[in-house]
Amino acid sequence: MVKKGAEDLRELLRLRPGERVDLSAYDTRATPAATGGKAAGLADTARIGERLAGLQERLWAAGTAGDRRRVLLVLQGMDTSGKGGTIKHVVGHLNPAGCRIHAFKAPTEEERRHDFLWRVRGVLPRPGEIGIFDRSHYEDVLIARVRQLAPPAEIESRYGLIDDFERSLAEDGVSVVKCFLHLSHEEQRTRLLRRLDRPDKRWKFSPGDIDERAVWPAYQEAYELALERCAAPYAPWYVVPADSRWYRNWAISRLLLEHLEELDPRYPASDFDVAECRERLLNEG
């Protein structure tokens, strides 16, 4: 499924710091680095899932022994871009006990009494964990910008605060993996219609989804600004084509795998006499 090495997908999808972003130049139907089509992609995603599970267990075990490293996977995208589907089909391979999944909704009254990063700090992954954000602190420069939920000067200041925040995470042992699920306007319409047509999917639909489509260009501009201003070596943004669900799942699985392989977590050494404990168990009773 991958043309060359394990690093290729990161190189293909990563935004370079300082790079100007024009989302219209990115093909939402593309399948970079994938060969063999959907069937091969689904099979490879399953194989990657097994490798992810093993690496996650090693990371979690290392965390119990004082290794402070952990991973934060940030999923951002328009409605129906597949954040929930990614959690189901990618994160679903992992042991939930070693994961922290948080979906960000509109701030509560309590959260509004604090700075916009306050609610994020409280749900970060602990050492050894993989954290998954369904939406994130970027909502405060996305919907807040489009819907004018804060003064322009305040929103402008948030980009720098986000950058400082993510730098501090990296310095504290967090591997930040930010994925923008790039969906086309046409594909979103198809998915919303499918939700209306299927009673088992209708619960996901809100009439407000149609209102948000009316300001699609404003959201695209807000995303371009967020991607441009907050792409950093220590917290890279990856633009993941999301019109094809199988590719989206394969690509994010692969990106997560590459980051975990780079961390190369190890099981901690035993702090007890293994032979003695084994002998005791064999001779008990």
C-alpha atoms as a PDB file:
ATOM      1  CA  MET A   1       0.000   0.000   0.000  1.00  0.00           C
ATOM      2  CA  VAL A   2       2.896   2.420   0.598  1.00  0.00           C
ATOM      3  CA  LYS A   3       5.187   3.199  -2.295  1.00  0.00           C
ATOM      4  CA  LYS A   4       8.457   3.606  -0.433  1.00  0.00           C
ATOM      5  CA  GLY A   5       9.112   3.893   3.271  1.00  0.00           C
ATOM      6  CA  ALA A   6       7.094   4.437   6.398  1.00  0.00           C
ATOM      7  CA  GLU A   7       7.982   8.123   6.385  1.00  0.00           C
ATOM      8  CA  ASP A   8       6.504   8.819   2.962  1.00  0.00           C
ATOM      9  CA  LEU A   9       2.944   9.544   4.018  1.00  0.00           C
ATOM     10  CA  ARG A  10       3.988  12.107   6.612  1.00  0.00           C
ATOM     11  CA  GLU A  11       6.088  13.840   4.003  1.00  0.00           C
ATOM     12  CA  LEU A  12       3.226  13.831   1.510  1.00  0.00           C
ATOM     13  CA  LEU A  13       0.488  15.116   3.807  1.00  0.00           C
ATOM     14  CA  ARG A  14       2.416  17.415   6.159  1.00  0.00           C
ATOM     15  CA  LEU A  15       2.069  21.181   5.840  1.00  0.00           C
ATOM     16  CA  ARG A  16       5.392  22.980   5.982  1.00  0.00           C
ATOM     17  CA  PRO A  17       5.758  25.830   8.510  1.00  0.00           C
ATOM     18  CA  GLY A  18       5.311  29.148   6.767  1.00  0.00           C
ATOM     19  CA  GLU A  19       3.577  27.560   3.780  1.00  0.00           C
ATOM     20  CA  ARG A  20       0.579  29.430   2.404  1.00  0.00           C
ATOM     21  CA  VAL A  21      -2.507  27.233   2.412  1.00  0.00           C
ATOM     22  CA  ASP A  22      -5.098  27.241  -0.363  1.00  0.00           C
ATOM     23  CA  LEU A  23      -7.490  24.388   0.361  1.00  0.00           C
ATOM     24  CA  SER A  24      -8.961  24.542  -3.130  1.00  0.00           C
ATOM     25  CA  ALA A  25      -5.596  23.271  -4.389  1.00  0.00           C
ATOM     26  CA  TYR A  26      -5.925  20.030  -2.400  1.00  0.00           C
ATOM     27  CA  ASP A  27      -7.953  17.256  -4.029  1.00  0.00           C
ATOM     28  CA  THR A  28     -10.407  15.855  -1.485  1.00  0.00           C
ATOM     29  CA  ARG A  29     -10.715  12.643  -3.553  1.00  0.00           C
ATOM     30  CA  ALA A  30      -6.990  11.979  -3.761  1.00  0.00           C
ATOM     31  CA  THR A  31      -5.351   8.892  -2.238  1.00  0.00           C
ATOM     32  CA  PRO A  32      -1.666   9.846  -1.791  1.00  0.00           C
ATOM     33  CA  ALA A  33       0.737   6.914  -1.282  1.00  0.00           C
ATOM     34  CA  ALA A  34      -2.057   4.339  -1.469  1.00  0.00           C
ATOM     35  CA  THR A  35      -1.983   1.678  -4.161  1.00  0.00           C
ATOM     36  CA  GLY A  36      -4.384  -1.135  -4.883  1.00  0.00           C
ATOM     37  CA  GLY A  37      -7.641   0.715  -4.270  1.00  0.00           C
ATOM     38  CA  LYS A  38     -10.284   0.286  -1.604  1.00  0.00           C
ATOM     39  CA  ALA A  39      -9.980  -3.474  -1.044  1.00  0.00           C
ATOM     40  CA  ALA A  40      -6.238  -3.262  -0.502  1.00  0.00           C
ATOM     41  CA  GLY A  41      -6.679  -0.213   1.717  1.00  0.00           C
ATOM     42  CA  LEU A  42      -9.172  -1.937   3.986  1.00  0.00           C
ATOM     43  CA  ALA A  43      -6.921  -4.970   4.334  1.00  0.00           C
ATOM     44  CA  ASP A  44      -3.883  -2.832   5.075  1.00  0.00           C
ATOM     45  CA  THR A  45      -5.806  -0.796   7.656  1.00  0.00           C
ATOM     46  CA  ALA A  46      -6.615  -4.016   9.511  1.00  0.00           C
ATOM     47  CA  ARG A  47      -2.939  -5.031   9.493  1.00  0.00           C
ATOM     48  CA  ILE A  48      -1.902  -1.574  10.673  1.00  0.00           C
ATOM     49  CA  GLY A  49      -4.474  -1.835  13.464  1.00  0.00           C
ATOM     50  CA  GLU A  50      -2.727  -4.908  14.853  1.00  0.00           C
ATOM     51  CA  ARG A  51       0.604  -3.089  14.866  1.00  0.00           C
ATOM     52  CA  LEU A  52      -0.965  -0.036  16.473  1.00  0.00           C
ATOM     53  CA  ALA A  53      -2.401  -2.170  19.257  1.00  0.00           C
ATOM     54  CA  GLY A  54       1.013  -3.627  20.050  1.00  0.00           C
ATOM     55  CA  LEU A  55       2.726  -0.246  20.083  1.00  0.00           C
ATOM     56  CA  GLN A  56      -0.023   1.261  22.213  1.00  0.00           C
ATOM     57  CA  GLU A  57       0.407  -1.461  24.814  1.00  0.00           C
ATOM     58  CA  ARG A  58       4.151  -0.797  24.954  1.00  0.00           C
ATOM     59  CA  LEU A  59       3.539   2.954  25.309  1.00  0.00           C
ATOM     60  CA  TRP A  60       1.005   2.379  28.079  1.00  0.00           C
ATOM     61  CA  ALA A  61       3.326  -0.040  29.889  1.00  0.00           C
ATOM     62  CA  ALA A  62       6.211   2.431  29.642  1.00  0.00           C
ATOM     63  CA  GLY A  63       3.969   5.127  31.117  1.00  0.00           C
ATOM     64  CA  THR A  64       3.399   3.056  34.244  1.00  0.00           C
ATOM     65  CA  ALA A  65       7.180   3.012  34.764  1.00  0.00           C
ATOM     66  CA  GLY A  66       7.721   6.763  34.555  1.00  0.00           C
ATOM     67  CA  ASP A  67       8.028   7.359  30.801  1.00  0.00           C
ATOM     68  CA  ARG A  68       6.189  10.660  30.305  1.00  0.00           C
ATOM     69  CA  ARG A  69       5.700  10.310  26.566  1.00  0.00           C
ATOM     70  CA  ARG A  70       2.190  10.185  25.118  1.00  0.00           C
ATOM     71  CA  VAL A  71       0.348  10.982  21.891  1.00  0.00           C
ATOM     72  CA  LEU A  72      -2.402  13.486  21.132  1.00  0.00           C
ATOM     73  CA  LEU A  73      -4.360  12.911  17.914  1.00  0.00           C
ATOM     74  CA  VAL A  74      -6.364  16.001  16.943  1.00  0.00           C
ATOM     75  CA  LEU A  75      -9.202  15.494  14.437  1.00  0.00           C
ATOM     76  CA  GLN A  76     -10.603  18.625  12.826  1.00  0.00           C
ATOM     77  CA  GLY A  77     -12.924  19.001   9.873  1.00  0.00           C
ATOM     78  CA  MET A  78     -16.322  20.111   8.705  1.00  0.00           C
ATOM     79  CA  ASP A  79     -19.440  18.217   9.794  1.00  0.00           C
ATOM     80  CA  THR A  80     -19.586  14.695   8.268  1.00  0.00           C
ATOM     81  CA  SER A  81     -15.846  14.762   7.469  1.00  0.00           C
ATOM     82  CA  GLY A  82     -15.455  11.577   9.496  1.00  0.00           C
ATOM     83  CA  LYS A  83     -14.119  12.421  12.931  1.00  0.00           C
ATOM     84  CA  GLY A  84     -16.443   9.902  14.577  1.00  0.00           C
ATOM     85  CA  GLY A  85     -15.762   7.344  11.865  1.00  0.00           C
ATOM     86  CA  THR A  86     -12.028   7.714  12.394  1.00  0.00           C
ATOM     87  CA  ILE A  87     -12.442   7.076  16.111  1.00  0.00           C
ATOM     88  CA  LYS A  88     -14.529   3.980  15.379  1.00  0.00           C
ATOM     89  CA  HIS A  89     -12.355   2.448  12.665  1.00  0.00           C
ATOM     90  CA  VAL A  90      -8.866   3.615  13.673  1.00  0.00           C
ATOM     91  CA  VAL A  91      -8.916   4.165  17.419  1.00  0.00           C
ATOM     92  CA  GLY A  92     -11.213   1.145  17.730  1.00  0.00           C
ATOM     93  CA  HIS A  93      -8.163  -1.092  17.312  1.00  0.00           C
ATOM     94  CA  LEU A  94      -6.681   0.244  20.549  1.00  0.00           C
ATOM     95  CA  ASN A  95      -7.258  -0.758  24.167  1.00  0.00           C
ATOM     96  CA  PRO A  96      -9.752   1.837  25.473  1.00  0.00           C
ATOM     97  CA  ALA A  97      -8.145   1.702  28.916  1.00  0.00           C
ATOM     98  CA  GLY A  98      -5.062   3.394  27.458  1.00  0.00           C
ATOM     99  CA  CYS A  99      -6.973   6.051  25.507  1.00  0.00           C
ATOM    100  CA  ARG A 100      -8.622   9.333  26.433  1.00  0.00           C
ATOM    101  CA  ILE A 101     -11.253  10.432  23.929  1.00  0.00           C
ATOM    102  CA  HIS A 102     -12.868  13.825  24.248  1.00  0.00           C
ATOM    103  CA  ALA A 103     -15.413  15.491  21.973  1.00  0.00           C
ATOM    104  CA  PHE A 104     -15.489  19.275  22.231  1.00  0.00           C
ATOM    105  CA  LYS A 105     -18.908  20.899  22.142  1.00  0.00           C
ATOM    106  CA  ALA A 106     -19.986  24.485  22.753  1.00  0.00           C
ATOM    107  CA  PRO A 107     -18.315  25.777  25.948  1.00  0.00           C
ATOM    108  CA  THR A 108     -20.294  25.473  29.174  1.00  0.00           C
ATOM    109  CA  GLU A 109     -20.894  28.422  31.465  1.00  0.00           C
ATOM    110  CA  GLU A 110     -18.087  27.191  33.712  1.00  0.00           C
ATOM    111  CA  GLU A 111     -15.688  26.917  30.770  1.00  0.00           C
ATOM    112  CA  ARG A 112     -16.546  30.428  29.594  1.00  0.00           C
ATOM    113  CA  ARG A 113     -15.354  31.797  32.933  1.00  0.00           C
ATOM    114  CA  HIS A 114     -11.804  30.671  32.068  1.00  0.00           C
ATOM    115  CA  ASP A 115      -9.417  31.227  29.177  1.00  0.00           C
ATOM    116  CA  PHE A 116     -10.217  29.180  26.065  1.00  0.00           C
ATOM    117  CA  LEU A 117      -7.445  26.638  26.705  1.00  0.00           C
ATOM    118  CA  TRP A 118      -8.592  25.854  30.247  1.00  0.00           C
ATOM    119  CA  ARG A 119     -11.003  23.113  29.215  1.00  0.00           C
ATOM    120  CA  VAL A 120      -8.357  21.553  26.967  1.00  0.00           C
ATOM    121  CA  ARG A 121      -5.735  21.242  29.683  1.00  0.00           C
ATOM    122  CA  GLY A 122      -8.081  19.162  31.815  1.00  0.00           C
ATOM    123  CA  VAL A 123      -8.531  16.398  29.229  1.00  0.00           C
ATOM    124  CA  LEU A 124      -4.989  15.940  27.923  1.00  0.00           C
ATOM    125  CA  PRO A 125      -3.586  12.392  27.757  1.00  0.00           C
ATOM    126  CA  ARG A 126      -1.609  11.242  30.765  1.00  0.00           C
ATOM    127  CA  PRO A 127       1.818   9.587  30.428  1.00  0.00           C
ATOM    128  CA  GLY A 128       1.539   6.424  28.370  1.00  0.00           C
ATOM    129  CA  GLU A 129      -1.874   7.297  26.944  1.00  0.00           C
ATOM    130  CA  ILE A 130      -3.115   8.153  23.484  1.00  0.00           C
ATOM    131  CA  GLY A 131      -5.482  11.097  23.572  1.00  0.00           C
ATOM    132  CA  ILE A 132      -7.991  11.737  20.808  1.00  0.00           C
ATOM    133  CA  PHE A 133      -9.716  15.075  20.340  1.00  0.00           C
ATOM    134  CA  ASP A 134     -12.925  15.122  18.280  1.00  0.00           C
ATOM    135  CA  ARG A 135     -12.650  18.832  17.483  1.00  0.00           C
ATOM    136  CA  SER A 136     -10.325  20.747  19.780  1.00  0.00           C
ATOM    137  CA  HIS A 137      -8.955  24.099  20.893  1.00  0.00           C
ATOM    138  CA  TYR A 138      -9.038  25.075  17.202  1.00  0.00           C
ATOM    139  CA  GLU A 139     -12.780  25.624  17.464  1.00  0.00           C
ATOM    140  CA  ASP A 140     -11.874  28.913  19.136  1.00  0.00           C
ATOM    141  CA  VAL A 141     -10.334  30.200  15.906  1.00  0.00           C
ATOM    142  CA  LEU A 142     -12.786  28.437  13.577  1.00  0.00           C
ATOM    143  CA  ILE A 143     -16.445  28.741  14.554  1.00  0.00           C
ATOM    144  CA  ALA A 144     -15.512  31.642  16.827  1.00  0.00           C
ATOM    145  CA  ARG A 145     -14.127  33.457  13.784  1.00  0.00           C
ATOM    146  CA  VAL A 146     -16.926  32.537  11.378  1.00  0.00           C
ATOM    147  CA  ARG A 147     -19.733  33.280  13.826  1.00  0.00           C
ATOM    148  CA  GLN A 148     -17.966  36.248  15.460  1.00  0.00           C
ATOM    149  CA  LEU A 149     -18.189  34.771  18.949  1.00  0.00           C
ATOM    150  CA  ALA A 150     -15.295  36.904  20.222  1.00  0.00           C
ATOM    151  CA  PRO A 151     -13.744  40.250  19.282  1.00  0.00           C
ATOM    152  CA  PRO A 152     -11.457  40.028  16.197  1.00  0.00           C
ATOM    153  CA  ALA A 153      -8.391  41.126  18.187  1.00  0.00           C
ATOM    154  CA  GLU A 154      -8.975  38.377  20.747  1.00  0.00           C
ATOM    155  CA  ILE A 155      -9.327  35.713  18.061  1.00  0.00           C
ATOM    156  CA  GLU A 156      -6.175  37.007  16.390  1.00  0.00           C
ATOM    157  CA  SER A 157      -4.234  36.590  19.632  1.00  0.00           C
ATOM    158  CA  ARG A 158      -5.319  32.979  19.992  1.00  0.00           C
ATOM    159  CA  TYR A 159      -3.104  31.678  17.183  1.00  0.00           C
ATOM    160  CA  GLY A 160       0.007  32.616  19.117  1.00  0.00           C
ATOM    161  CA  LEU A 161      -1.437  31.191  22.343  1.00  0.00           C
ATOM    162  CA  ILE A 162      -2.205  27.902  20.570  1.00  0.00           C
ATOM    163  CA  ASP A 163       1.325  27.770  19.203  1.00  0.00           C
ATOM    164  CA  ASP A 164       2.810  28.362  22.665  1.00  0.00           C
ATOM    165  CA  PHE A 165       0.475  25.756  24.158  1.00  0.00           C
ATOM    166  CA  GLU A 166       1.425  23.093  21.625  1.00  0.00           C
ATOM    167  CA  ARG A 167       5.110  23.880  22.041  1.00  0.00           C
ATOM    168  CA  SER A 168       4.754  23.324  25.795  1.00  0.00           C
ATOM    169  CA  LEU A 169       3.016  19.999  25.126  1.00  0.00           C
ATOM    170  CA  ALA A 170       5.873  18.832  22.918  1.00  0.00           C
ATOM    171  CA  GLU A 171       8.425  19.857  25.544  1.00  0.00           C
ATOM    172  CA  ASP A 172       6.482  17.790  28.091  1.00  0.00           C
ATOM    173  CA  GLY A 173       6.626  14.621  25.997  1.00  0.00           C
ATOM    174  CA  VAL A 174       3.421  14.870  23.978  1.00  0.00           C
ATOM    175  CA  SER A 175       3.566  13.897  20.291  1.00  0.00           C
ATOM    176  CA  VAL A 176       0.930  16.139  18.728  1.00  0.00           C
ATOM    177  CA  VAL A 177      -0.584  14.772  15.506  1.00  0.00           C
ATOM    178  CA  LYS A 178      -3.109  17.150  13.951  1.00  0.00           C
ATOM    179  CA  CYS A 179      -5.257  15.880  11.079  1.00  0.00           C
ATOM    180  CA  PHE A 180      -7.485  18.117   9.010  1.00  0.00           C
ATOM    181  CA  LEU A 181     -10.086  15.911   7.330  1.00  0.00           C
ATOM    182  CA  HIS A 182     -10.488  17.661   3.993  1.00  0.00           C
ATOM    183  CA  LEU A 183     -14.017  17.096   2.683  1.00  0.00           C
ATOM    184  CA  SER A 184     -15.622  18.575  -0.415  1.00  0.00           C
ATOM    185  CA  HIS A 185     -18.804  20.632  -0.338  1.00  0.00           C
ATOM    186  CA  GLU A 186     -20.476  18.122  -2.671  1.00  0.00           C
ATOM    187  CA  GLU A 187     -19.527  15.089  -0.592  1.00  0.00           C
ATOM    188  CA  GLN A 188     -20.827  16.727   2.579  1.00  0.00           C
ATOM    189  CA  ARG A 189     -24.202  17.252   0.871  1.00  0.00           C
ATOM    190  CA  THR A 190     -24.290  13.580  -0.116  1.00  0.00           C
ATOM    191  CA  ARG A 191     -23.531  12.486   3.446  1.00  0.00           C
ATOM    192  CA  LEU A 192     -26.124  14.811   4.963  1.00  0.00           C
ATOM    193  CA  LEU A 193     -28.760  13.498   2.551  1.00  0.00           C
ATOM    194  CA  ARG A 194     -27.808   9.946   3.535  1.00  0.00           C
ATOM    195  CA  ARG A 195     -28.380  10.845   7.179  1.00  0.00           C
ATOM    196  CA  LEU A 196     -31.836  12.125   6.344  1.00  0.00           C
ATOM    197  CA  ASP A 197     -32.676   9.065   4.254  1.00  0.00           C
ATOM    198  CA  ARG A 198     -31.602   6.507   6.847  1.00  0.00           C
ATOM    199  CA  PRO A 199     -33.565   6.325  10.118  1.00  0.00           C
ATOM    200  CA  ASP A 200     -30.537   4.795  11.871  1.00  0.00           C
ATOM    201  CA  LYS A 201     -28.421   7.824  10.892  1.00  0.00           C
ATOM    202  CA  ARG A 202     -31.015  10.565  11.325  1.00  0.00           C
ATOM    203  CA  TRP A 203     -30.062  11.125  14.971  1.00  0.00           C
ATOM    204  CA  LYS A 204     -26.764  12.582  13.736  1.00  0.00           C
ATOM    205  CA  PHE A 205     -28.508  15.234  11.647  1.00  0.00           C
ATOM    206  CA  SER A 206     -29.340  18.758  12.768  1.00  0.00           C
ATOM    207  CA  PRO A 207     -31.096  21.441  10.689  1.00  0.00           C
ATOM    208  CA  GLY A 208     -28.231  23.664  11.794  1.00  0.00           C
ATOM    209  CA  ASP A 209     -25.952  21.609   9.532  1.00  0.00           C
ATOM    210  CA  ILE A 210     -27.637  23.271   6.553  1.00  0.00           C
ATOM    211  CA  ASP A 211     -27.072  26.719   8.055  1.00  0.00           C
ATOM    212  CA  GLU A 212     -23.368  25.949   8.445  1.00  0.00           C
ATOM    213  CA  ARG A 213     -23.151  24.995   4.752  1.00  0.00           C
ATOM    214  CA  ALA A 214     -24.296  28.515   3.897  1.00  0.00           C
ATOM    215  CA  VAL A 215     -21.031  29.875   5.301  1.00  0.00           C
ATOM    216  CA  TRP A 216     -18.781  27.159   3.834  1.00  0.00           C
ATOM    217  CA  PRO A 217     -16.373  29.689   2.200  1.00  0.00           C
ATOM    218  CA  ALA A 218     -15.899  31.452   5.540  1.00  0.00           C
ATOM    219  CA  TYR A 219     -15.059  28.131   7.211  1.00  0.00           C
ATOM    220  CA  GLN A 220     -12.574  27.273   4.478  1.00  0.00           C
ATOM    221  CA  GLU A 221     -10.856  30.619   5.009  1.00  0.00           C
ATOM    222  CA  ALA A 222     -10.815  30.099   8.778  1.00  0.00           C
ATOM    223  CA  TYR A 223      -9.257  26.661   8.330  1.00  0.00           C
ATOM    224  CA  GLU A 224      -6.641  28.026   5.943  1.00  0.00           C
ATOM    225  CA  LEU A 225      -5.607  30.616   8.521  1.00  0.00           C
ATOM    226  CA  ALA A 226      -5.460  28.058  11.338  1.00  0.00           C
ATOM    227  CA  LEU A 227      -3.425  25.623   9.243  1.00  0.00           C
ATOM    228  CA  GLU A 228      -1.016  28.341   8.103  1.00  0.00           C
ATOM    229  CA  ARG A 229      -0.429  29.926  11.473  1.00  0.00           C
ATOM    230  CA  CYS A 230      -0.261  26.804  13.613  1.00  0.00           C
ATOM    231  CA  ALA A 231       1.821  24.426  11.496  1.00  0.00           C
ATOM    232  CA  ALA A 232       5.014  23.750  13.439  1.00  0.00           C
ATOM    233  CA  PRO A 233       7.686  21.024  13.470  1.00  0.00           C
ATOM    234  CA  TYR A 234       6.658  20.054  17.010  1.00  0.00           C
ATOM    235  CA  ALA A 235       2.911  20.014  16.182  1.00  0.00           C
ATOM    236  CA  PRO A 236       2.482  19.316  12.453  1.00  0.00           C
ATOM    237  CA  TRP A 237      -0.734  19.610  10.507  1.00  0.00           C
ATOM    238  CA  TYR A 238      -1.615  16.870   8.025  1.00  0.00           C
ATOM    239  CA  VAL A 239      -4.182  17.523   5.292  1.00  0.00           C
ATOM    240  CA  VAL A 240      -6.007  14.192   4.855  1.00  0.00           C
ATOM    241  CA  PRO A 241      -8.301  13.841   1.821  1.00  0.00           C
ATOM    242  CA  ALA A 242     -11.598  12.673   3.324  1.00  0.00           C
ATOM    243  CA  ASP A 243     -14.064  12.089   0.496  1.00  0.00           C
ATOM    244  CA  SER A 244     -13.066   8.393   0.524  1.00  0.00           C
ATOM    245  CA  ARG A 245     -13.706   6.919   3.949  1.00  0.00           C
ATOM    246  CA  TRP A 246     -11.401   3.963   3.404  1.00  0.00           C
ATOM    247  CA  TYR A 247      -8.523   6.279   2.502  1.00  0.00           C
ATOM    248  CA  ARG A 248      -9.176   8.590   5.443  1.00  0.00           C
ATOM    249  CA  ASN A 249      -9.024   5.644   7.854  1.00  0.00           C
ATOM    250  CA  TRP A 250      -5.976   4.148   6.189  1.00  0.00           C
ATOM    251  CA  ALA A 251      -4.093   7.457   6.125  1.00  0.00           C
ATOM    252  CA  ILE A 252      -4.738   8.347   9.768  1.00  0.00           C
ATOM    253  CA  SER A 253      -3.886   4.793  10.842  1.00  0.00           C
ATOM    254  CA  ARG A 254      -0.636   5.103   8.939  1.00  0.00           C
ATOM    255  CA  LEU A 255       0.195   8.531  10.350  1.00  0.00           C
ATOM    256  CA  LEU A 256      -0.437   7.305  13.897  1.00  0.00           C
ATOM    257  CA  LEU A 257       1.657   4.211  13.248  1.00  0.00           C
ATOM    258  CA  GLU A 258       4.572   6.256  11.945  1.00  0.00           C
ATOM    259  CA  HIS A 259       4.567   8.470  15.020  1.00  0.00           C
ATOM    260  CA  LEU A 260       4.399   5.509  17.408  1.00  0.00           C
ATOM    261  CA  GLU A 261       7.160   3.672  15.551  1.00  0.00           C
ATOM    262  CA  GLU A 262       9.308   6.766  15.862  1.00  0.00           C
ATOM    263  CA  LEU A 263       8.685   6.842  19.616  1.00  0.00           C
ATOM    264  CA  ASP A 264       9.559   3.120  19.790  1.00  0.00           C
ATOM    265  CA  PRO A 265       8.190   2.604  23.322  1.00  0.00           C
ATOM    266  CA  ARG A 266       9.612  -0.347  25.264  1.00  0.00           C
ATOM    267  CA  TYR A 267       8.191  -2.563  27.961  1.00  0.00           C
ATOM    268  CA  PRO A 268       9.740  -1.570  31.308  1.00  0.00           C
ATOM    269  CA  ALA A 269      12.260  -3.856  32.951  1.00  0.00           C
ATOM    270  CA  SER A 270      10.978  -5.861  35.932  1.00  0.00           C
ATOM    271  CA  ASP A 271      11.929  -4.502  39.353  1.00  0.00           C
ATOM    272  CA  PHE A 272      11.635  -7.926  41.009  1.00  0.00           C
ATOM    273  CA  ASP A 273      13.353 -11.292  40.780  1.00  0.00           C
ATOM    274  CA  VAL A 274      11.486 -13.092  37.993  1.00  0.00           C
ATOM    275  CA  ALA A 275      13.088 -16.493  38.683  1.00  0.00           C
ATOM    276  CA  GLU A 276      12.298 -16.298  42.389  1.00  0.00           C
ATOM    277  CA  CYS A 277       8.642 -15.397  41.762  1.00  0.00           C
ATOM    278  CA  ARG A 278       8.303 -18.199  39.257  1.00  0.00           C
ATOM    279  CA  GLU A 279       9.794 -20.673  41.708  1.00  0.00           C
ATOM    280  CA  ARG A 280       7.418 -19.556  44.440  1.00  0.00           C
ATOM    281  CA  LEU A 281       4.413 -20.047  42.186  1.00  0.00           C
ATOM    282  CA  LEU A 282       5.567 -23.504  41.086  1.00  0.00           C
ATOM    283  CA  ASN A 283       6.090 -24.629  44.675  1.00  0.00           C
ATOM    284  CA  GLU A 284       3.108 -23.020  46.390  1.00  0.00           C
ATOM    285  CA  GLY A 285       0.774 -25.258  48.342  1.00  0.00           C
END
